[in-house]
Amino acid sequence: MSPLHIRLSGMMFLQFFIWGAWFVTLGSFLGRGLGVGGTEIGMAYGTTAIAAMVSPLLVGALGDRWLPPARLLAILHLLGAVLLWYLAQTRSFDTLYMLLMAYALLYMPTLALANTVCFQGLADGEREFPKIRVFGTLGWIAAGILVGFLAIEETATPFVLAAVSSLILGIYCFTLPDQVRTSADTPAANWRQLLGLDALALLNDRSLLLVFVCSLLICIPLAFYYNFTNLYLNDLGIENAAGKMTLGQVSEVLFMLLMPLMFRRLGIKAMLMIGMGAWVIRYGLFAYGFSGEGVNWSIYLGILLHGICYDFFFVSGQIYTDRVAPRQLRGSAQALLTFCTYGVGMFIGAYASGWIVSSFTTEQRLWEQIWLAPAVMALLVLCVFALLFKDSTTETEQQGLRPAGEQT
């Protein structure tokens, strides 16, 4: 790896260590630590979705036209470190919700910004990006293992880990190289450009539009996994649930490294379909994976499917978006994808999953019925995508090259 690749990999590691430190176990902290119900857990997870709808488009436009993306990334993480520290101190759900909302407004835009920082420094994003993005997965794994090892899943301590990491990353981002801007790169902007709405023109491409719509829809069942799997495993009495959930990220590392080869062999449609199909299988395994006499192998298999679920759909979608978008709109395009997925999709999913968990909770949570709901949702999205999607890019682009006239 080149020195630049190493530096970008370090950025990705910390970017996802921060999120993985608190996000996975938030449901257990709220449900078992604070004793709140499924609806409140859904509301708490919904903060990231609301933030993903509100802030990434504006921040993406800023990163495209005014502030250098790495500098903007640094500022957001430094401010986020302060809010994470205060989150660790509160025990009131109402206060926690407000602080979590404020933090989410700062953090969610950094997902698209981190992608932009990477892509602007890579000669061949389709082949090089997975090798850098895999370090984000390693960061998530490291966070889960540490939280599980320290046995702090039902406490607020993960927020402290995230705060310290956010401070480190904020300082680190000031050392990253930024794309040099000229007057030609930053023309006078109108209100559409300020809000990042120029990227909406990309949705005239029917194939990209379908990818965005299906990405939004698949995030509804996705929310069930992120919001309730840790609570599910803890309800089953599985020790070190957060650590065991990192098996999913281990498989994510493997498939991330295989992605450049699979892109060439399978193409974008097959990659996306395999990713969606894996969600259907995973939730089916969760629904029927616990016999009551011990942990069934199918639960672990469902966790291990995360590599296919995430890489084949979400990372493929990010790469496809970067391929289709012109250079001056790539930051806004990635932000628009974040808006659709972690924004609208996860918002609907957060409240839908919370409502379904509450509806199937009597004296205990009825996990078999709960997991069947996202399985059916994912199957419907897969069928729609399989019937309607046709890749609009050329054969040359599918081999990793951009259209004529496009330069990275």
Protein backbone atom coordinates (compact mmCIF):
# COMPACT_ATOMS: atom_id res chain seq x y z
CA MET A 1 0.00 0.00 0.00
CA SER A 2 1.15 3.53 -0.74
CA PRO A 3 1.61 6.07 2.10
CA LEU A 4 -1.67 7.74 1.03
CA HIS A 5 -3.52 4.42 1.15
CA ILE A 6 -2.20 3.81 4.67
CA ARG A 7 -3.35 7.23 5.83
CA LEU A 8 -6.81 6.79 4.31
CA SER A 9 -7.05 3.33 5.85
CA GLY A 10 -6.33 4.82 9.29
CA MET A 11 -9.10 7.35 8.74
CA MET A 12 -11.57 4.60 7.84
CA PHE A 13 -10.56 2.51 10.86
CA LEU A 14 -11.33 5.32 13.30
CA GLN A 15 -14.45 6.43 11.38
CA PHE A 16 -16.17 3.10 12.00
CA PHE A 17 -14.58 2.37 15.39
CA ILE A 18 -16.44 5.43 16.68
CA TRP A 19 -19.79 4.21 15.36
CA GLY A 20 -19.28 0.57 16.30
CA ALA A 21 -18.32 1.48 19.85
CA TRP A 22 -21.84 2.62 20.82
CA PHE A 23 -24.28 1.82 18.03
CA VAL A 24 -24.41 -1.99 18.30
CA THR A 25 -25.03 -2.07 22.04
CA LEU A 26 -27.33 0.95 22.31
CA GLY A 27 -30.39 -1.31 22.28
CA SER A 28 -29.05 -3.38 25.18
CA PHE A 29 -28.10 -0.25 27.14
CA LEU A 30 -31.58 1.22 26.70
CA GLY A 31 -33.58 -2.00 27.02
CA ARG A 32 -31.68 -3.71 29.83
CA GLY A 33 -29.68 -0.84 31.36
CA LEU A 34 -32.30 1.93 31.41
CA GLY A 35 -35.29 -0.39 31.12
CA VAL A 36 -37.08 1.39 28.25
CA GLY A 37 -39.29 -0.37 25.70
CA GLY A 38 -39.02 -1.20 22.00
CA THR A 39 -40.67 2.05 20.92
CA GLU A 40 -38.07 4.15 22.77
CA ILE A 41 -35.25 2.03 21.36
CA GLY A 42 -36.62 2.62 17.88
CA MET A 43 -36.80 6.36 18.57
CA ALA A 44 -33.17 6.42 19.73
CA TYR A 45 -31.95 4.61 16.62
CA GLY A 46 -34.17 6.85 14.55
CA THR A 47 -32.00 9.85 15.44
CA THR A 48 -29.28 8.72 13.05
CA ALA A 49 -31.88 8.28 10.33
CA ILE A 50 -33.35 11.74 10.85
CA ALA A 51 -29.87 13.23 10.81
CA ALA A 52 -29.03 11.36 7.63
CA MET A 53 -32.02 13.00 5.97
CA VAL A 54 -31.27 16.51 7.24
CA SER A 55 -27.54 17.09 7.09
CA PRO A 56 -25.56 15.01 4.52
CA LEU A 57 -26.84 16.82 1.40
CA LEU A 58 -25.85 20.22 2.75
CA VAL A 59 -22.51 18.96 4.06
CA GLY A 60 -21.84 17.09 0.81
CA ALA A 61 -22.32 20.32 -1.13
CA LEU A 62 -19.96 22.13 1.25
CA GLY A 63 -17.38 19.41 0.72
CA ASP A 64 -17.77 19.64 -3.06
CA ARG A 65 -17.54 23.43 -3.33
CA TRP A 66 -16.18 25.27 -0.30
CA LEU A 67 -14.52 23.62 2.68
CA PRO A 68 -12.05 20.85 1.82
CA PRO A 69 -13.68 17.50 2.72
CA ALA A 70 -10.92 16.38 5.10
CA ARG A 71 -11.00 19.71 6.96
CA LEU A 72 -14.79 19.53 7.27
CA LEU A 73 -14.49 15.94 8.49
CA ALA A 74 -12.08 17.07 11.21
CA ILE A 75 -14.39 19.81 12.48
CA LEU A 76 -17.42 17.50 12.66
CA HIS A 77 -15.55 14.80 14.60
CA LEU A 78 -14.12 17.27 17.11
CA LEU A 79 -17.58 18.67 17.84
CA GLY A 80 -18.95 15.14 17.99
CA ALA A 81 -16.40 14.16 20.65
CA VAL A 82 -17.86 16.78 23.01
CA LEU A 83 -21.43 15.52 22.58
CA LEU A 84 -20.41 11.87 23.01
CA TRP A 85 -18.77 12.76 26.32
CA TYR A 86 -21.99 14.35 27.58
CA LEU A 87 -24.02 11.38 26.33
CA ALA A 88 -22.00 9.12 28.61
CA GLN A 89 -23.04 11.20 31.63
CA THR A 90 -26.85 11.19 31.21
CA ARG A 91 -29.34 8.62 32.52
CA SER A 92 -32.53 10.39 31.45
CA PHE A 93 -33.97 9.05 28.20
CA ASP A 94 -35.35 12.46 27.20
CA THR A 95 -31.96 14.14 27.66
CA LEU A 96 -30.17 11.25 26.00
CA TYR A 97 -32.50 11.47 23.02
CA MET A 98 -31.80 15.18 22.49
CA LEU A 99 -28.03 14.74 22.81
CA LEU A 100 -28.12 11.72 20.51
CA MET A 101 -30.02 13.71 17.92
CA ALA A 102 -27.47 16.54 18.07
CA TYR A 103 -24.59 14.09 17.76
CA ALA A 104 -26.21 12.26 14.86
CA LEU A 105 -26.52 15.54 12.95
CA LEU A 106 -22.74 15.86 13.19
CA TYR A 107 -21.78 12.23 12.59
CA MET A 108 -23.99 11.06 9.73
CA PRO A 109 -22.53 13.47 7.13
CA THR A 110 -19.07 12.11 7.91
CA LEU A 111 -19.97 8.76 6.30
CA ALA A 112 -20.30 10.36 2.86
CA LEU A 113 -17.41 12.76 3.52
CA ALA A 114 -15.06 9.90 4.36
CA ASN A 115 -15.98 8.20 1.08
CA THR A 116 -15.36 11.47 -0.78
CA VAL A 117 -11.94 11.93 0.83
CA CYS A 118 -11.02 8.42 -0.27
CA PHE A 119 -12.33 8.57 -3.82
CA GLN A 120 -10.72 11.94 -4.57
CA GLY A 121 -7.30 10.47 -3.79
CA LEU A 122 -7.65 7.20 -5.70
CA ALA A 123 -6.75 6.58 -9.32
CA ASP A 124 -9.12 3.61 -9.62
CA GLY A 125 -11.83 3.77 -6.98
CA GLU A 126 -13.56 0.56 -8.04
CA ARG A 127 -10.45 -1.54 -7.40
CA GLU A 128 -8.76 0.47 -4.65
CA PHE A 129 -11.67 1.62 -2.47
CA PRO A 130 -12.61 -1.85 -1.08
CA LYS A 131 -9.03 -2.33 0.16
CA ILE A 132 -9.29 0.92 2.13
CA ARG A 133 -12.92 0.55 3.20
CA VAL A 134 -12.09 -2.83 4.75
CA PHE A 135 -10.22 -0.98 7.49
CA GLY A 136 -13.51 0.61 8.48
CA THR A 137 -14.81 -2.89 9.05
CA LEU A 138 -11.72 -3.72 11.10
CA GLY A 139 -12.44 -0.64 13.20
CA TRP A 140 -16.00 -1.83 13.82
CA ILE A 141 -14.66 -5.28 14.78
CA ALA A 142 -12.11 -3.79 17.16
CA ALA A 143 -14.82 -1.71 18.84
CA GLY A 144 -17.14 -4.70 19.27
CA ILE A 145 -14.40 -6.92 20.68
CA LEU A 146 -13.29 -4.23 23.13
CA VAL A 147 -16.83 -3.47 24.32
CA GLY A 148 -17.55 -7.18 24.75
CA PHE A 149 -14.24 -7.87 26.51
CA LEU A 150 -14.85 -5.03 28.96
CA ALA A 151 -18.43 -6.30 29.59
CA ILE A 152 -19.91 -2.80 29.23
CA GLU A 153 -22.73 -3.55 26.78
CA GLU A 154 -25.49 -2.48 29.16
CA THR A 155 -23.69 0.67 30.35
CA ALA A 156 -22.99 4.14 28.93
CA THR A 157 -19.22 3.53 28.85
CA PRO A 158 -19.19 2.83 25.07
CA PHE A 159 -19.98 6.53 24.59
CA VAL A 160 -16.72 7.36 26.39
CA LEU A 161 -14.75 5.10 24.03
CA ALA A 162 -16.45 6.77 21.07
CA ALA A 163 -15.72 10.27 22.43
CA VAL A 164 -11.99 9.61 22.81
CA SER A 165 -11.84 8.03 19.34
CA SER A 166 -13.72 10.96 17.80
CA LEU A 167 -11.24 13.40 19.33
CA ILE A 168 -8.31 11.43 17.90
CA LEU A 169 -9.88 11.23 14.44
CA GLY A 170 -10.75 14.93 14.44
CA ILE A 171 -7.09 15.81 15.02
CA TYR A 172 -5.92 13.15 12.54
CA CYS A 173 -8.11 14.49 9.73
CA PHE A 174 -6.22 17.79 9.78
CA THR A 175 -3.17 15.84 8.57
CA LEU A 176 -4.93 14.34 5.55
CA PRO A 177 -4.32 15.80 2.08
CA ASP A 178 -7.17 17.76 0.54
CA GLN A 179 -8.12 18.13 -3.08
CA VAL A 180 -6.73 21.37 -4.46
CA ARG A 181 -9.51 23.74 -5.49
CA THR A 182 -9.33 26.31 -8.21
CA SER A 183 -11.83 28.98 -9.18
CA ALA A 184 -13.06 26.59 -11.85
CA ASP A 185 -13.70 23.94 -9.19
CA THR A 186 -15.77 26.25 -7.02
CA PRO A 187 -18.13 28.33 -9.14
CA ALA A 188 -20.71 30.59 -7.60
CA ALA A 189 -23.44 28.47 -6.12
CA ASN A 190 -27.19 28.90 -6.12
CA TRP A 191 -29.58 27.58 -3.49
CA ARG A 192 -29.89 24.19 -5.21
CA GLN A 193 -26.13 23.73 -5.07
CA LEU A 194 -26.04 24.89 -1.46
CA LEU A 195 -28.53 22.18 -0.49
CA GLY A 196 -26.80 19.58 -2.65
CA LEU A 197 -29.89 19.24 -4.84
CA ASP A 198 -27.90 19.25 -8.09
CA ALA A 199 -27.25 15.59 -7.40
CA LEU A 200 -30.97 14.93 -7.95
CA ALA A 201 -30.32 15.32 -11.69
CA LEU A 202 -28.40 12.03 -11.51
CA LEU A 203 -31.68 10.26 -10.82
CA ASN A 204 -32.68 10.81 -14.44
CA ASP A 205 -30.57 7.70 -14.93
CA ARG A 206 -33.19 4.99 -14.42
CA SER A 207 -30.66 2.40 -13.25
CA LEU A 208 -29.17 4.68 -10.62
CA LEU A 209 -32.66 5.72 -9.52
CA LEU A 210 -33.62 2.07 -8.97
CA VAL A 211 -30.42 1.45 -6.99
CA PHE A 212 -31.26 4.42 -4.77
CA VAL A 213 -34.90 3.35 -4.30
CA CYS A 214 -34.01 -0.27 -3.51
CA SER A 215 -31.23 0.90 -1.20
CA LEU A 216 -33.84 2.94 0.66
CA LEU A 217 -36.27 0.04 0.86
CA ILE A 218 -33.71 -2.58 1.95
CA CYS A 219 -32.70 -0.30 4.84
CA ILE A 220 -36.13 -0.82 6.40
CA PRO A 221 -35.43 -4.50 7.20
CA LEU A 222 -31.76 -3.62 7.79
CA ALA A 223 -32.81 -1.54 10.80
CA PHE A 224 -34.06 -4.68 12.55
CA TYR A 225 -30.54 -6.12 12.53
CA TYR A 226 -28.73 -3.02 13.74
CA ASN A 227 -31.31 -2.08 16.34
CA PHE A 228 -32.24 -5.40 17.91
CA THR A 229 -29.71 -8.16 17.22
CA ASN A 230 -27.60 -7.34 20.27
CA LEU A 231 -30.70 -7.27 22.46
CA TYR A 232 -31.84 -10.56 20.84
CA LEU A 233 -28.56 -12.27 21.67
CA ASN A 234 -28.58 -10.92 25.22
CA ASP A 235 -32.16 -12.14 25.67
CA LEU A 236 -30.93 -15.59 24.64
CA GLY A 237 -28.29 -15.38 27.35
CA ILE A 238 -25.34 -15.36 24.98
CA GLU A 239 -22.22 -14.10 26.73
CA ASN A 240 -20.13 -11.37 25.08
CA ALA A 241 -22.85 -10.78 22.48
CA ALA A 242 -21.10 -7.70 21.06
CA GLY A 243 -17.90 -9.67 20.57
CA LYS A 244 -19.73 -12.53 18.84
CA MET A 245 -21.49 -10.07 16.54
CA THR A 246 -18.09 -9.05 15.18
CA LEU A 247 -18.08 -12.39 13.34
CA GLY A 248 -20.23 -10.54 10.84
CA GLN A 249 -17.51 -7.96 10.31
CA VAL A 250 -14.89 -10.70 9.98
CA SER A 251 -16.82 -12.06 7.02
CA GLU A 252 -17.21 -8.48 5.79
CA VAL A 253 -13.41 -8.15 5.65
CA LEU A 254 -13.12 -11.32 3.58
CA PHE A 255 -15.78 -10.33 1.07
CA MET A 256 -14.52 -6.75 0.89
CA LEU A 257 -11.15 -8.04 -0.29
CA LEU A 258 -12.85 -10.28 -2.84
CA MET A 259 -15.05 -7.52 -4.23
CA PRO A 260 -12.75 -6.26 -7.05
CA LEU A 261 -12.59 -9.79 -8.50
CA MET A 262 -16.31 -10.39 -8.03
CA PHE A 263 -17.19 -7.10 -9.72
CA ARG A 264 -15.43 -8.21 -12.87
CA ARG A 265 -16.94 -11.69 -12.80
CA LEU A 266 -20.50 -10.99 -11.66
CA GLY A 267 -21.34 -7.39 -12.59
CA ILE A 268 -23.26 -4.86 -10.57
CA LYS A 269 -26.74 -6.44 -10.85
CA ALA A 270 -25.67 -9.85 -9.59
CA MET A 271 -23.69 -8.27 -6.74
CA LEU A 272 -26.68 -6.26 -5.56
CA MET A 273 -29.08 -9.20 -5.87
CA ILE A 274 -26.83 -11.50 -3.88
CA GLY A 275 -26.59 -8.86 -1.17
CA MET A 276 -30.37 -8.51 -0.90
CA GLY A 277 -30.90 -12.26 -0.98
CA ALA A 278 -28.52 -12.69 1.93
CA TRP A 279 -30.77 -10.48 4.07
CA VAL A 280 -33.73 -12.79 3.42
CA ILE A 281 -31.72 -15.86 4.41
CA ARG A 282 -30.24 -14.16 7.49
CA TYR A 283 -33.59 -13.21 8.99
CA GLY A 284 -34.98 -16.66 8.28
CA LEU A 285 -32.04 -18.15 10.18
CA PHE A 286 -32.65 -15.78 13.08
CA ALA A 287 -36.35 -16.64 13.16
CA TYR A 288 -35.77 -20.39 13.44
CA GLY A 289 -32.25 -20.41 14.84
CA PHE A 290 -32.87 -20.89 18.55
CA SER A 291 -34.24 -24.17 19.88
CA GLY A 292 -34.49 -23.10 23.52
CA GLU A 293 -31.88 -25.65 24.56
CA GLY A 294 -28.81 -23.79 23.38
CA VAL A 295 -27.54 -21.56 20.61
CA ASN A 296 -28.26 -23.09 17.24
CA TRP A 297 -25.56 -22.98 14.54
CA SER A 298 -27.96 -21.02 12.31
CA ILE A 299 -27.70 -17.92 14.52
CA TYR A 300 -23.96 -17.79 13.97
CA LEU A 301 -24.43 -18.44 10.26
CA GLY A 302 -26.89 -15.54 10.14
CA ILE A 303 -24.29 -13.28 11.75
CA LEU A 304 -21.59 -14.47 9.34
CA LEU A 305 -23.80 -13.54 6.40
CA HIS A 306 -23.21 -9.88 7.26
CA GLY A 307 -20.23 -9.75 4.90
CA ILE A 308 -22.43 -10.55 1.93
CA CYS A 309 -25.37 -8.49 3.21
CA TYR A 310 -23.35 -5.31 3.63
CA ASP A 311 -20.53 -5.52 1.07
CA PHE A 312 -22.47 -6.83 -1.87
CA PHE A 313 -25.24 -4.29 -1.53
CA PHE A 314 -24.08 -1.15 0.26
CA VAL A 315 -20.43 -0.96 -0.78
CA SER A 316 -21.41 -1.97 -4.32
CA GLY A 317 -23.97 0.83 -4.31
CA GLN A 318 -21.35 3.36 -3.20
CA ILE A 319 -18.97 2.25 -5.96
CA TYR A 320 -21.73 2.29 -8.58
CA THR A 321 -22.73 5.81 -7.50
CA ASP A 322 -19.14 7.03 -7.79
CA ARG A 323 -18.91 5.45 -11.23
CA VAL A 324 -22.02 7.17 -12.57
CA ALA A 325 -21.65 10.61 -10.93
CA PRO A 326 -19.53 13.32 -12.60
CA ARG A 327 -16.55 14.53 -10.62
CA GLN A 328 -18.08 17.80 -9.42
CA LEU A 329 -21.10 15.97 -7.97
CA ARG A 330 -19.55 12.91 -6.37
CA GLY A 331 -19.66 14.31 -2.85
CA SER A 332 -23.30 15.31 -3.27
CA ALA A 333 -24.11 11.97 -4.92
CA GLN A 334 -22.64 10.01 -2.01
CA ALA A 335 -24.55 12.28 0.37
CA LEU A 336 -27.78 11.65 -1.55
CA LEU A 337 -27.19 7.90 -1.26
CA THR A 338 -26.64 8.36 2.49
CA PHE A 339 -29.88 10.37 2.63
CA CYS A 340 -31.81 7.50 1.02
CA THR A 341 -30.23 4.68 3.03
CA TYR A 342 -29.15 5.79 6.48
CA GLY A 343 -31.75 8.56 6.27
CA VAL A 344 -35.19 7.74 4.91
CA GLY A 345 -34.80 3.95 4.91
CA MET A 346 -33.34 3.65 8.39
CA PHE A 347 -35.86 6.19 9.74
CA ILE A 348 -38.79 4.12 8.54
CA GLY A 349 -37.01 0.96 9.66
CA ALA A 350 -36.26 2.32 13.14
CA TYR A 351 -39.89 3.10 13.90
CA ALA A 352 -41.23 0.02 12.08
CA SER A 353 -38.87 -2.31 13.93
CA GLY A 354 -39.65 -0.65 17.27
CA TRP A 355 -43.38 -0.98 16.63
CA ILE A 356 -43.10 -4.63 15.58
CA VAL A 357 -40.92 -5.55 18.58
CA SER A 358 -43.40 -3.85 20.92
CA SER A 359 -46.33 -5.57 19.18
CA PHE A 360 -44.75 -9.00 19.63
CA THR A 361 -43.73 -8.47 23.23
CA THR A 362 -45.91 -9.92 26.00
CA GLU A 363 -44.11 -11.33 29.03
CA GLN A 364 -41.15 -11.82 26.71
CA ARG A 365 -40.19 -10.83 23.17
CA LEU A 366 -41.47 -13.25 20.49
CA TRP A 367 -38.35 -13.26 18.32
CA GLU A 368 -39.53 -15.80 15.74
CA GLN A 369 -42.42 -13.57 14.65
CA ILE A 370 -40.26 -10.44 14.92
CA TRP A 371 -37.57 -11.72 12.52
CA LEU A 372 -40.03 -13.01 9.92
CA ALA A 373 -41.22 -9.44 9.24
CA PRO A 374 -37.89 -8.13 7.83
CA ALA A 375 -37.35 -11.39 5.96
CA VAL A 376 -40.54 -10.81 3.96
CA MET A 377 -39.66 -7.14 3.38
CA ALA A 378 -36.21 -7.99 2.01
CA LEU A 379 -37.68 -10.66 -0.28
CA LEU A 380 -40.11 -8.17 -1.82
CA VAL A 381 -37.31 -5.65 -2.51
CA LEU A 382 -35.20 -8.38 -4.12
CA CYS A 383 -38.04 -9.34 -6.47
CA VAL A 384 -38.62 -5.72 -7.55
CA PHE A 385 -34.93 -5.14 -8.22
CA ALA A 386 -34.48 -8.39 -10.14
CA LEU A 387 -37.37 -7.54 -12.45
CA LEU A 388 -36.56 -3.88 -13.15
CA PHE A 389 -32.80 -3.25 -12.96
CA LYS A 390 -30.68 -3.00 -16.08
CA ASP A 391 -27.15 -1.60 -15.79
CA SER A 392 -26.89 1.58 -17.85
CA THR A 393 -23.10 1.71 -17.83
CA THR A 394 -21.01 0.39 -20.70
CA GLU A 395 -18.99 -2.80 -20.78
CA THR A 396 -15.85 -0.70 -20.53
CA GLU A 397 -17.09 0.84 -17.28
CA GLN A 398 -17.88 -2.58 -15.88
CA GLN A 399 -14.22 -3.42 -16.28
CA GLY A 400 -13.37 -0.55 -13.94
CA LEU A 401 -12.92 2.36 -16.38
CA ARG A 402 -14.84 5.63 -16.36
CA PRO A 403 -16.67 7.04 -19.36
CA ALA A 404 -14.65 8.95 -21.88
CA GLY A 405 -13.79 12.41 -20.61
CA GLU A 406 -14.16 11.47 -16.92
CA GLN A 407 -11.05 11.72 -14.80
CA THR A 408 -10.62 10.83 -11.15
